[in-house]
PDB file of all heavy atoms in Angstrom:
ATOM      1  N   SER A   1     107.622 110.387 100.368  1.00  0.00           N
ATOM      2  CA  SER A   1     106.505 109.947 101.210  1.00  0.00           C
ATOM      3  C   SER A   1     106.618 110.484 102.634  1.00  0.00           C
ATOM      4  O   SER A   1     105.608 110.648 103.323  1.00  0.00           O
ATOM      5  CB  SER A   1     106.440 108.416 101.233  1.00  0.00           C
ATOM      6  OG  SER A   1     107.653 107.868 101.746  1.00  0.00           O
ATOM      7  N   GLY A   2     107.842 110.784 103.061  1.00  0.00           N
ATOM      8  CA  GLY A   2     108.049 111.264 104.424  1.00  0.00           C
ATOM      9  C   GLY A   2     107.462 112.632 104.712  1.00  0.00           C
ATOM     10  O   GLY A   2     107.376 113.030 105.878  1.00  0.00           O
ATOM     11  N   VAL A   3     107.061 113.385 103.666  1.00  0.00           N
ATOM     12  CA  VAL A   3     106.465 114.701 103.902  1.00  0.00           C
ATOM     13  C   VAL A   3     104.981 114.722 103.527  1.00  0.00           C
ATOM     14  O   VAL A   3     104.370 115.788 103.467  1.00  0.00           O
ATOM     15  CB  VAL A   3     107.228 115.815 103.145  1.00  0.00           C
ATOM     16  CG1 VAL A   3     108.647 115.941 103.664  1.00  0.00           C
ATOM     17  CG2 VAL A   3     107.205 115.584 101.640  1.00  0.00           C
ATOM     18  N   ALA A   4     104.394 113.553 103.293  1.00  0.00           N
ATOM     19  CA  ALA A   4     102.980 113.492 102.893  1.00  0.00           C
ATOM     20  C   ALA A   4     102.065 114.085 103.958  1.00  0.00           C
ATOM     21  O   ALA A   4     101.091 114.776 103.645  1.00  0.00           O
ATOM     22  CB  ALA A   4     102.579 112.050 102.592  1.00  0.00           C
ATOM     23  N   HIS A   5     102.378 113.823 105.230  1.00  0.00           N
ATOM     24  CA  HIS A   5     101.529 114.374 106.297  1.00  0.00           C
ATOM     25  C   HIS A   5     101.640 115.892 106.328  1.00  0.00           C
ATOM     26  O   HIS A   5     100.642 116.599 106.516  1.00  0.00           O
ATOM     27  CB  HIS A   5     101.919 113.778 107.648  1.00  0.00           C
ATOM     28  CG  HIS A   5     100.882 113.967 108.717  1.00  0.00           C
ATOM     29  ND1 HIS A   5     100.911 113.286 109.918  1.00  0.00           N
ATOM     30  CD2 HIS A   5      99.778 114.760 108.772  1.00  0.00           C
ATOM     31  CE1 HIS A   5      99.884 113.657 110.654  1.00  0.00           C
ATOM     32  NE2 HIS A   5      99.181 114.551 109.986  1.00  0.00           N
ATOM     33  N   ALA A   6     102.835 116.418 106.119  1.00  0.00           N
ATOM     34  CA  ALA A   6     103.021 117.869 106.110  1.00  0.00           C
ATOM     35  C   ALA A   6     102.262 118.515 104.950  1.00  0.00           C
ATOM     36  O   ALA A   6     101.643 119.577 105.113  1.00  0.00           O
ATOM     37  CB  ALA A   6     104.500 118.209 106.029  1.00  0.00           C
ATOM     38  N   ILE A   7     102.277 117.879 103.764  1.00  0.00           N
ATOM     39  CA  ILE A   7     101.507 118.416 102.632  1.00  0.00           C
ATOM     40  C   ILE A   7     100.022 118.392 102.968  1.00  0.00           C
ATOM     41  O   ILE A   7      99.284 119.355 102.707  1.00  0.00           O
ATOM     42  CB  ILE A   7     101.756 117.612 101.344  1.00  0.00           C
ATOM     43  CG1 ILE A   7     103.236 117.561 100.993  1.00  0.00           C
ATOM     44  CG2 ILE A   7     100.970 118.214 100.182  1.00  0.00           C
ATOM     45  CD1 ILE A   7     103.557 116.683  99.794  1.00  0.00           C
ATOM     46  N   THR A   8      99.569 117.292 103.550  1.00  0.00           N
ATOM     47  CA  THR A   8      98.158 117.162 103.923  1.00  0.00           C
ATOM     48  C   THR A   8      97.742 118.272 104.865  1.00  0.00           C
ATOM     49  O   THR A   8      96.668 118.865 104.730  1.00  0.00           O
ATOM     50  CB  THR A   8      97.905 115.792 104.576  1.00  0.00           C
ATOM     51  OG1 THR A   8      98.264 114.756 103.661  1.00  0.00           O
ATOM     52  CG2 THR A   8      96.443 115.635 104.968  1.00  0.00           C
ATOM     53  N   ALA A   9      98.589 118.564 105.838  1.00  0.00           N
ATOM     54  CA  ALA A   9      98.272 119.613 106.809  1.00  0.00           C
ATOM     55  C   ALA A   9      98.318 120.998 106.177  1.00  0.00           C
ATOM     56  O   ALA A   9      97.500 121.869 106.497  1.00  0.00           O
ATOM     57  CB  ALA A   9      99.247 119.540 107.982  1.00  0.00           C
ATOM     58  N   ALA A  10      99.262 121.222 105.272  1.00  0.00           N
ATOM     59  CA  ALA A  10      99.458 122.556 104.702  1.00  0.00           C
ATOM     60  C   ALA A  10      98.370 122.934 103.699  1.00  0.00           C
ATOM     61  O   ALA A  10      97.935 124.087 103.634  1.00  0.00           O
ATOM     62  CB  ALA A  10     100.827 122.635 104.034  1.00  0.00           C
ATOM     63  N   GLN A  11      97.913 121.962 102.882  1.00  0.00           N
ATOM     64  CA  GLN A  11      96.955 122.284 101.824  1.00  0.00           C
ATOM     65  C   GLN A  11      95.567 122.554 102.407  1.00  0.00           C
ATOM     66  O   GLN A  11      95.233 122.104 103.481  1.00  0.00           O
ATOM     67  CB  GLN A  11      96.903 121.152 100.797  1.00  0.00           C
ATOM     68  CG  GLN A  11      96.549 119.782 101.348  1.00  0.00           C
ATOM     69  CD  GLN A  11      95.055 119.518 101.438  1.00  0.00           C
ATOM     70  OE1 GLN A  11      94.242 120.135 100.745  1.00  0.00           O
ATOM     71  NE2 GLN A  11      94.679 118.587 102.292  1.00  0.00           N
ATOM     72  N   ARG A  12      94.761 123.309 101.637  1.00  0.00           N
ATOM     73  CA  ARG A  12      93.452 123.747 102.126  1.00  0.00           C
ATOM     74  C   ARG A  12      92.299 123.334 101.220  1.00  0.00           C
ATOM     75  O   ARG A  12      91.194 123.844 101.369  1.00  0.00           O
ATOM     76  CB  ARG A  12      93.435 125.283 102.239  1.00  0.00           C
ATOM     77  CG  ARG A  12      94.448 125.867 103.219  1.00  0.00           C
ATOM     78  CD  ARG A  12      94.058 125.539 104.662  1.00  0.00           C
ATOM     79  NE  ARG A  12      94.888 126.246 105.622  1.00  0.00           N
ATOM     80  CZ  ARG A  12      96.027 125.785 106.132  1.00  0.00           C
ATOM     81  NH1 ARG A  12      96.470 124.593 105.740  1.00  0.00           N
ATOM     82  NH2 ARG A  12      96.723 126.470 106.999  1.00  0.00           N
ATOM     83  N   ILE A  13      92.524 122.399 100.296  1.00  0.00           N
ATOM     84  CA  ILE A  13      91.465 122.082  99.335  1.00  0.00           C
ATOM     85  C   ILE A  13      90.994 120.642  99.394  1.00  0.00           C
ATOM     86  O   ILE A  13      89.892 120.339  98.929  1.00  0.00           O
ATOM     87  CB  ILE A  13      91.899 122.423  97.890  1.00  0.00           C
ATOM     88  CG1 ILE A  13      93.086 121.559  97.453  1.00  0.00           C
ATOM     89  CG2 ILE A  13      92.204 123.905  97.755  1.00  0.00           C
ATOM     90  CD1 ILE A  13      93.448 121.712  95.979  1.00  0.00           C
ATOM     91  N   ASP A  14      91.782 119.733  99.929  1.00  0.00           N
ATOM     92  CA  ASP A  14      91.437 118.308  99.926  1.00  0.00           C
ATOM     93  C   ASP A  14      91.135 117.855 101.350  1.00  0.00           C
ATOM     94  O   ASP A  14      92.022 117.432 102.085  1.00  0.00           O
ATOM     95  CB  ASP A  14      92.591 117.494  99.331  1.00  0.00           C
ATOM     96  CG  ASP A  14      92.202 116.041  99.074  1.00  0.00           C
ATOM     97  OD1 ASP A  14      91.230 115.565  99.701  1.00  0.00           O
ATOM     98  OD2 ASP A  14      92.865 115.381  98.252  1.00  0.00           O
ATOM     99  N   PHE A  15      89.860 117.927 101.723  1.00  0.00           N
ATOM    100  CA  PHE A  15      89.469 117.563 103.080  1.00  0.00           C
ATOM    101  C   PHE A  15      89.377 116.053 103.263  1.00  0.00           C
ATOM    102  O   PHE A  15      89.417 115.563 104.386  1.00  0.00           O
ATOM    103  CB  PHE A  15      88.149 118.251 103.449  1.00  0.00           C
ATOM    104  CG  PHE A  15      88.335 119.690 103.831  1.00  0.00           C
ATOM    105  CD1 PHE A  15      88.361 120.681 102.860  1.00  0.00           C
ATOM    106  CD2 PHE A  15      88.518 120.056 105.156  1.00  0.00           C
ATOM    107  CE1 PHE A  15      88.557 122.003 103.208  1.00  0.00           C
ATOM    108  CE2 PHE A  15      88.715 121.375 105.514  1.00  0.00           C
ATOM    109  CZ  PHE A  15      88.742 122.359 104.543  1.00  0.00           C
ATOM    110  N   ASP A  16      89.260 115.311 102.169  1.00  0.00           N
ATOM    111  CA  ASP A  16      89.269 113.854 102.294  1.00  0.00           C
ATOM    112  C   ASP A  16      90.622 113.373 102.817  1.00  0.00           C
ATOM    113  O   ASP A  16      90.699 112.486 103.669  1.00  0.00           O
ATOM    114  CB  ASP A  16      88.971 113.192 100.942  1.00  0.00           C
ATOM    115  CG  ASP A  16      87.521 113.336 100.538  1.00  0.00           C
ATOM    116  OD1 ASP A  16      86.687 113.606 101.428  1.00  0.00           O
ATOM    117  OD2 ASP A  16      87.217 113.199  99.342  1.00  0.00           O
ATOM    118  N   ARG A  17      91.699 113.949 102.294  1.00  0.00           N
ATOM    119  CA  ARG A  17      93.036 113.567 102.775  1.00  0.00           C
ATOM    120  C   ARG A  17      93.205 113.939 104.252  1.00  0.00           C
ATOM    121  O   ARG A  17      93.801 113.189 105.020  1.00  0.00           O
ATOM    122  CB  ARG A  17      94.108 114.246 101.928  1.00  0.00           C
ATOM    123  CG  ARG A  17      94.446 113.504 100.635  1.00  0.00           C
ATOM    124  CD  ARG A  17      95.715 114.080 100.018  1.00  0.00           C
ATOM    125  NE  ARG A  17      96.236 113.210  98.965  1.00  0.00           N
ATOM    126  CZ  ARG A  17      96.094 113.446  97.666  1.00  0.00           C
ATOM    127  NH1 ARG A  17      95.424 114.515  97.268  1.00  0.00           N
ATOM    128  NH2 ARG A  17      96.611 112.615  96.777  1.00  0.00           N
ATOM    129  N   LYS A  18      92.720 115.094 104.627  1.00  0.00           N
ATOM    130  CA  LYS A  18      92.827 115.501 106.031  1.00  0.00           C
ATOM    131  C   LYS A  18      92.058 114.528 106.929  1.00  0.00           C
ATOM    132  O   LYS A  18      92.534 114.103 107.971  1.00  0.00           O
ATOM    133  CB  LYS A  18      92.284 116.924 106.205  1.00  0.00           C
ATOM    134  CG  LYS A  18      93.189 118.013 105.628  1.00  0.00           C
ATOM    135  CD  LYS A  18      92.619 119.388 105.907  1.00  0.00           C
ATOM    136  CE  LYS A  18      93.479 120.506 105.329  1.00  0.00           C
ATOM    137  NZ  LYS A  18      94.784 120.637 106.005  1.00  0.00           N
ATOM    138  N   ARG A  19      90.860 114.177 106.468  1.00  0.00           N
ATOM    139  CA  ARG A  19      90.022 113.280 107.277  1.00  0.00           C
ATOM    140  C   ARG A  19      90.669 111.901 107.411  1.00  0.00           C
ATOM    141  O   ARG A  19      90.655 111.296 108.489  1.00  0.00           O
ATOM    142  CB  ARG A  19      88.641 113.158 106.629  1.00  0.00           C
ATOM    143  CG  ARG A  19      87.564 112.596 107.561  1.00  0.00           C
ATOM    144  CD  ARG A  19      86.199 112.638 106.906  1.00  0.00           C
ATOM    145  NE  ARG A  19      85.831 114.000 106.526  1.00  0.00           N
ATOM    146  CZ  ARG A  19      85.689 114.424 105.271  1.00  0.00           C
ATOM    147  NH1 ARG A  19      85.881 113.589 104.256  1.00  0.00           N
ATOM    148  NH2 ARG A  19      85.348 115.665 105.008  1.00  0.00           N
ATOM    149  N   ASP A  20      91.252 111.408 106.337  1.00  0.00           N
ATOM    150  CA  ASP A  20      91.921 110.106 106.395  1.00  0.00           C
ATOM    151  C   ASP A  20      93.075 110.126 107.399  1.00  0.00           C
ATOM    152  O   ASP A  20      93.274 109.169 108.155  1.00  0.00           O
ATOM    153  CB  ASP A  20      92.437 109.709 105.011  1.00  0.00           C
ATOM    154  CG  ASP A  20      91.315 109.329 104.053  1.00  0.00           C
ATOM    155  OD1 ASP A  20      90.189 109.092 104.520  1.00  0.00           O
ATOM    156  OD2 ASP A  20      91.578 109.273 102.830  1.00  0.00           O
ATOM    157  N   ARG A  21      93.860 111.203 107.393  1.00  0.00           N
ATOM    158  CA  ARG A  21      94.966 111.332 108.345  1.00  0.00           C
ATOM    159  C   ARG A  21      94.450 111.406 109.778  1.00  0.00           C
ATOM    160  O   ARG A  21      95.016 110.810 110.697  1.00  0.00           O
ATOM    161  CB  ARG A  21      95.786 112.583 108.031  1.00  0.00           C
ATOM    162  CG  ARG A  21      96.793 112.395 106.922  1.00  0.00           C
ATOM    163  CD  ARG A  21      98.008 111.635 107.407  1.00  0.00           C
ATOM    164  NE  ARG A  21      98.961 111.429 106.320  1.00  0.00           N
ATOM    165  CZ  ARG A  21     100.103 110.776 106.458  1.00  0.00           C
ATOM    166  NH1 ARG A  21     100.430 110.269 107.636  1.00  0.00           N
ATOM    167  NH2 ARG A  21     100.911 110.614 105.434  1.00  0.00           N
ATOM    168  N   ALA A  22      93.380 112.150 109.973  1.00  0.00           N
ATOM    169  CA  ALA A  22      92.805 112.272 111.308  1.00  0.00           C
ATOM    170  C   ALA A  22      92.293 110.918 111.808  1.00  0.00           C
ATOM    171  O   ALA A  22      92.441 110.578 112.983  1.00  0.00           O
ATOM    172  CB  ALA A  22      91.677 113.299 111.304  1.00  0.00           C
ATOM    173  N   GLU A  23      91.701 110.136 110.899  1.00  0.00           N
ATOM    174  CA  GLU A  23      91.201 108.807 111.272  1.00  0.00           C
ATOM    175  C   GLU A  23      92.334 107.905 111.746  1.00  0.00           C
ATOM    176  O   GLU A  23      92.168 107.093 112.664  1.00  0.00           O
ATOM    177  CB  GLU A  23      90.500 108.160 110.073  1.00  0.00           C
ATOM    178  CG  GLU A  23      89.190 108.830 109.671  1.00  0.00           C
ATOM    179  CD  GLU A  23      88.008 108.368 110.507  1.00  0.00           C
ATOM    180  OE1 GLU A  23      88.225 107.576 111.450  1.00  0.00           O
ATOM    181  OE2 GLU A  23      86.883 108.805 110.216  1.00  0.00           O
ATOM    182  N   VAL A  24      93.502 108.031 111.127  1.00  0.00           N
ATOM    183  CA  VAL A  24      94.663 107.253 111.562  1.00  0.00           C
ATOM    184  C   VAL A  24      95.035 107.609 112.990  1.00  0.00           C
ATOM    185  O   VAL A  24      95.313 106.733 113.827  1.00  0.00           O
ATOM    186  CB  VAL A  24      95.862 107.500 110.612  1.00  0.00           C
ATOM    187  CG1 VAL A  24      97.137 106.881 111.189  1.00  0.00           C
ATOM    188  CG2 VAL A  24      95.578 106.921 109.238  1.00  0.00           C
ATOM    189  N   ALA A  25      95.028 108.904 113.311  1.00  0.00           N
ATOM    190  CA  ALA A  25      95.357 109.341 114.671  1.00  0.00           C
ATOM    191  C   ALA A  25      94.325 108.832 115.674  1.00  0.00           C
ATOM    192  O   ALA A  25      94.674 108.413 116.789  1.00  0.00           O
ATOM    193  CB  ALA A  25      95.438 110.870 114.716  1.00  0.00           C
ATOM    194  N   ILE A  26      93.055 108.862 115.279  1.00  0.00           N
ATOM    195  CA  ILE A  26      91.997 108.379 116.180  1.00  0.00           C
ATOM    196  C   ILE A  26      92.134 106.879 116.436  1.00  0.00           C
ATOM    197  O   ILE A  26      92.004 106.413 117.570  1.00  0.00           O
ATOM    198  CB  ILE A  26      90.608 108.704 115.589  1.00  0.00           C
ATOM    199  CG1 ILE A  26      90.389 110.217 115.560  1.00  0.00           C
ATOM    200  CG2 ILE A  26      89.498 108.011 116.402  1.00  0.00           C
ATOM    201  CD1 ILE A  26      89.163 110.636 114.763  1.00  0.00           C
ATOM    202  N   LYS A  27      92.402 106.126 115.382  1.00  0.00           N
ATOM    203  CA  LYS A  27      92.547 104.676 115.526  1.00  0.00           C
ATOM    204  C   LYS A  27      93.710 104.331 116.461  1.00  0.00           C
ATOM    205  O   LYS A  27      93.589 103.470 117.344  1.00  0.00           O
ATOM    206  CB  LYS A  27      92.771 104.033 114.160  1.00  0.00           C
ATOM    207  CG  LYS A  27      92.867 102.514 114.197  1.00  0.00           C
ATOM    208  CD  LYS A  27      93.016 101.936 112.794  1.00  0.00           C
ATOM    209  CE  LYS A  27      93.107 100.411 112.840  1.00  0.00           C
ATOM    210  NZ  LYS A  27      93.252  99.842 111.468  1.00  0.00           N
ATOM    211  N   ALA A  28      94.839 105.028 116.285  1.00  0.00           N
ATOM    212  CA  ALA A  28      96.001 104.760 117.131  1.00  0.00           C
ATOM    213  C   ALA A  28      95.717 105.123 118.576  1.00  0.00           C
ATOM    214  O   ALA A  28      96.062 104.375 119.502  1.00  0.00           O
ATOM    215  CB  ALA A  28      97.207 105.547 116.617  1.00  0.00           C
ATOM    216  N   ALA A  29      95.064 106.265 118.792  1.00  0.00           N
ATOM    217  CA  ALA A  29      94.766 106.701 120.155  1.00  0.00           C
ATOM    218  C   ALA A  29      93.741 105.785 120.821  1.00  0.00           C
ATOM    219  O   ALA A  29      93.840 105.475 122.021  1.00  0.00           O
ATOM    220  CB  ALA A  29      94.261 108.140 120.146  1.00  0.00           C
ATOM    221  N   THR A  30      92.760 105.321 120.041  1.00  0.00           N
ATOM    222  CA  THR A  30      91.750 104.412 120.596  1.00  0.00           C
ATOM    223  C   THR A  30      92.395 103.106 121.054  1.00  0.00           C
ATOM    224  O   THR A  30      92.099 102.591 122.131  1.00  0.00           O
ATOM    225  CB  THR A  30      90.660 104.126 119.541  1.00  0.00           C
ATOM    226  OG1 THR A  30      90.025 105.352 119.176  1.00  0.00           O
ATOM    227  CG2 THR A  30      89.619 103.161 120.086  1.00  0.00           C
ATOM    228  N   GLY A  31      93.298 102.581 120.232  1.00  0.00           N
ATOM    229  CA  GLY A  31      94.004 101.364 120.624  1.00  0.00           C
ATOM    230  C   GLY A  31      94.853 101.562 121.861  1.00  0.00           C
ATOM    231  O   GLY A  31      94.858 100.716 122.771  1.00  0.00           O
ATOM    232  N   ALA A  32      95.566 102.683 121.924  1.00  0.00           N
ATOM    233  CA  ALA A  32      96.406 102.961 123.087  1.00  0.00           C
ATOM    234  C   ALA A  32      95.569 103.167 124.332  1.00  0.00           C
ATOM    235  O   ALA A  32      95.931 102.701 125.430  1.00  0.00           O
ATOM    236  CB  ALA A  32      97.265 104.199 122.820  1.00  0.00           C
ATOM    237  N   ALA A  33      94.432 103.854 124.198  1.00  0.00           N
ATOM    238  CA  ALA A  33      93.562 104.090 125.350  1.00  0.00           C
ATOM    239  C   ALA A  33      92.936 102.794 125.847  1.00  0.00           C
ATOM    240  O   ALA A  33      92.789 102.582 127.056  1.00  0.00           O
ATOM    241  CB  ALA A  33      92.473 105.097 124.981  1.00  0.00           C
ATOM    242  N   THR A  34      92.564 101.927 124.917  1.00  0.00           N
ATOM    243  CA  THR A  34      91.986 100.637 125.314  1.00  0.00           C
ATOM    244  C   THR A  34      92.999  99.814 126.102  1.00  0.00           C
ATOM    245  O   THR A  34      92.675  99.206 127.122  1.00  0.00           O
ATOM    246  CB  THR A  34      91.534  99.860 124.065  1.00  0.00           C
ATOM    247  OG1 THR A  34      90.564 100.635 123.350  1.00  0.00           O
ATOM    248  CG2 THR A  34      90.933  98.514 124.440  1.00  0.00           C
ATOM    249  N   THR A  35      94.237  99.804 125.641  1.00  0.00           N
ATOM    250  CA  THR A  35      95.294  99.091 126.353  1.00  0.00           C
ATOM    251  C   THR A  35      95.526  99.688 127.727  1.00  0.00           C
ATOM    252  O   THR A  35      95.661  98.981 128.728  1.00  0.00           O
ATOM    253  CB  THR A  35      96.600  99.130 125.541  1.00  0.00           C
ATOM    254  OG1 THR A  35      96.363  98.519 124.267  1.00  0.00           O
ATOM    255  CG2 THR A  35      97.712  98.392 126.265  1.00  0.00           C
ATOM    256  N   ALA A  36      95.561 101.026 127.773  1.00  0.00           N
ATOM    257  CA  ALA A  36      95.774 101.694 129.061  1.00  0.00           C
ATOM    258  C   ALA A  36      94.609 101.445 130.011  1.00  0.00           C
ATOM    259  O   ALA A  36      94.800 101.203 131.205  1.00  0.00           O
ATOM    260  CB  ALA A  36      95.950 103.195 128.838  1.00  0.00           C
ATOM    261  N   GLY A  37      93.389 101.463 129.445  1.00  0.00           N
ATOM    262  CA  GLY A  37      92.217 101.253 130.285  1.00  0.00           C
ATOM    263  C   GLY A  37      92.111  99.848 130.820  1.00  0.00           C
ATOM    264  O   GLY A  37      91.447  99.606 131.821  1.00  0.00           O
ATOM    265  N   ALA A  38      92.761  98.890 130.153  1.00  0.00           N
ATOM    266  CA  ALA A  38      92.709  97.498 130.598  1.00  0.00           C
ATOM    267  C   ALA A  38      93.591  97.253 131.814  1.00  0.00           C
ATOM    268  O   ALA A  38      93.494  96.219 132.454  1.00  0.00           O
ATOM    269  CB  ALA A  38      93.140  96.574 129.464  1.00  0.00           C
ATOM    270  N   SER A  39      94.475  98.195 132.136  1.00  0.00           N
ATOM    271  CA  SER A  39      95.293  98.043 133.335  1.00  0.00           C
ATOM    272  C   SER A  39      94.441  98.349 134.556  1.00  0.00           C
ATOM    273  O   SER A  39      93.462  99.088 134.466  1.00  0.00           O
ATOM    274  CB  SER A  39      96.510  98.973 133.272  1.00  0.00           C
ATOM    275  OG  SER A  39      96.095 100.306 133.117  1.00  0.00           O
ATOM    276  N   PRO A  40      94.780  97.780 135.721  1.00  0.00           N
ATOM    277  CA  PRO A  40      93.905  97.884 136.902  1.00  0.00           C
ATOM    278  C   PRO A  40      93.985  99.246 137.581  1.00  0.00           C
ATOM    279  O   PRO A  40      94.495  99.393 138.676  1.00  0.00           O
ATOM    280  CB  PRO A  40      94.432  96.776 137.815  1.00  0.00           C
ATOM    281  CG  PRO A  40      95.876  96.670 137.439  1.00  0.00           C
ATOM    282  CD  PRO A  40      95.940  96.926 135.965  1.00  0.00           C
ATOM    283  N   ILE A  41      93.480 100.281 136.882  1.00  0.00           N
ATOM    284  CA  ILE A  41      93.389 101.606 137.503  1.00  0.00           C
ATOM    285  C   ILE A  41      91.969 102.104 137.319  1.00  0.00           C
ATOM    286  O   ILE A  41      91.333 101.826 136.300  1.00  0.00           O
ATOM    287  CB  ILE A  41      94.378 102.598 136.869  1.00  0.00           C
ATOM    288  CG1 ILE A  41      94.132 102.713 135.366  1.00  0.00           C
ATOM    289  CG2 ILE A  41      95.818 102.220 137.150  1.00  0.00           C
ATOM    290  CD1 ILE A  41      94.940 103.816 134.708  1.00  0.00           C
ATOM    291  N   PRO A  42      91.432 102.829 138.269  1.00  0.00           N
ATOM    292  CA  PRO A  42      90.072 103.358 138.119  1.00  0.00           C
ATOM    293  C   PRO A  42      90.019 104.340 136.952  1.00  0.00           C
ATOM    294  O   PRO A  42      90.952 105.104 136.736  1.00  0.00           O
ATOM    295  CB  PRO A  42      89.821 104.075 139.451  1.00  0.00           C
ATOM    296  CG  PRO A  42      90.860 103.557 140.382  1.00  0.00           C
ATOM    297  CD  PRO A  42      92.044 103.199 139.541  1.00  0.00           C
ATOM    298  N   PHE A  43      88.916 104.346 136.212  1.00  0.00           N
ATOM    299  CA  PHE A  43      88.772 105.262 135.089  1.00  0.00           C
ATOM    300  C   PHE A  43      88.803 106.710 135.563  1.00  0.00           C
ATOM    301  O   PHE A  43      89.242 107.604 134.834  1.00  0.00           O
ATOM    302  CB  PHE A  43      87.463 104.978 134.343  1.00  0.00           C
ATOM    303  CG  PHE A  43      87.275 105.874 133.137  1.00  0.00           C
ATOM    304  CD1 PHE A  43      88.004 105.649 131.986  1.00  0.00           C
ATOM    305  CD2 PHE A  43      86.408 106.938 133.177  1.00  0.00           C
ATOM    306  CE1 PHE A  43      87.852 106.463 130.881  1.00  0.00           C
ATOM    307  CE2 PHE A  43      86.255 107.752 132.070  1.00  0.00           C
ATOM    308  CZ  PHE A  43      86.964 107.508 130.921  1.00  0.00           C
ATOM    309  N   SER A  44      88.330 106.954 136.780  1.00  0.00           N
ATOM    310  CA  SER A  44      88.319 108.318 137.284  1.00  0.00           C
ATOM    311  C   SER A  44      89.737 108.873 137.406  1.00  0.00           C
ATOM    312  O   SER A  44      89.947 110.077 137.365  1.00  0.00           O
ATOM    313  CB  SER A  44      87.621 108.375 138.640  1.00  0.00           C
ATOM    314  OG  SER A  44      88.283 107.514 139.553  1.00  0.00           O
ATOM    315  N   ASP A  45      90.714 107.977 137.564  1.00  0.00           N
ATOM    316  CA  ASP A  45      92.108 108.407 137.591  1.00  0.00           C
ATOM    317  C   ASP A  45      92.610 108.361 136.152  1.00  0.00           C
ATOM    318  O   ASP A  45      93.218 107.393 135.713  1.00  0.00           O
ATOM    319  CB  ASP A  45      92.933 107.487 138.492  1.00  0.00           C
ATOM    320  CG  ASP A  45      94.391 107.926 138.547  1.00  0.00           C
ATOM    321  OD1 ASP A  45      94.686 109.027 138.050  1.00  0.00           O
ATOM    322  OD2 ASP A  45      95.212 107.170 139.079  1.00  0.00           O
TER     323      ASP A  45
END
């Protein structure tokens, strides 16, 4: 299971698997950005 992401990235025929992996990255980044944005800093910074 530890190389599943590498197989997903290497293969060129299953775009559903690629999209699912990308969605995981987006979800994690959205959560991290929301937490960061909640701190008292201007968005412009």
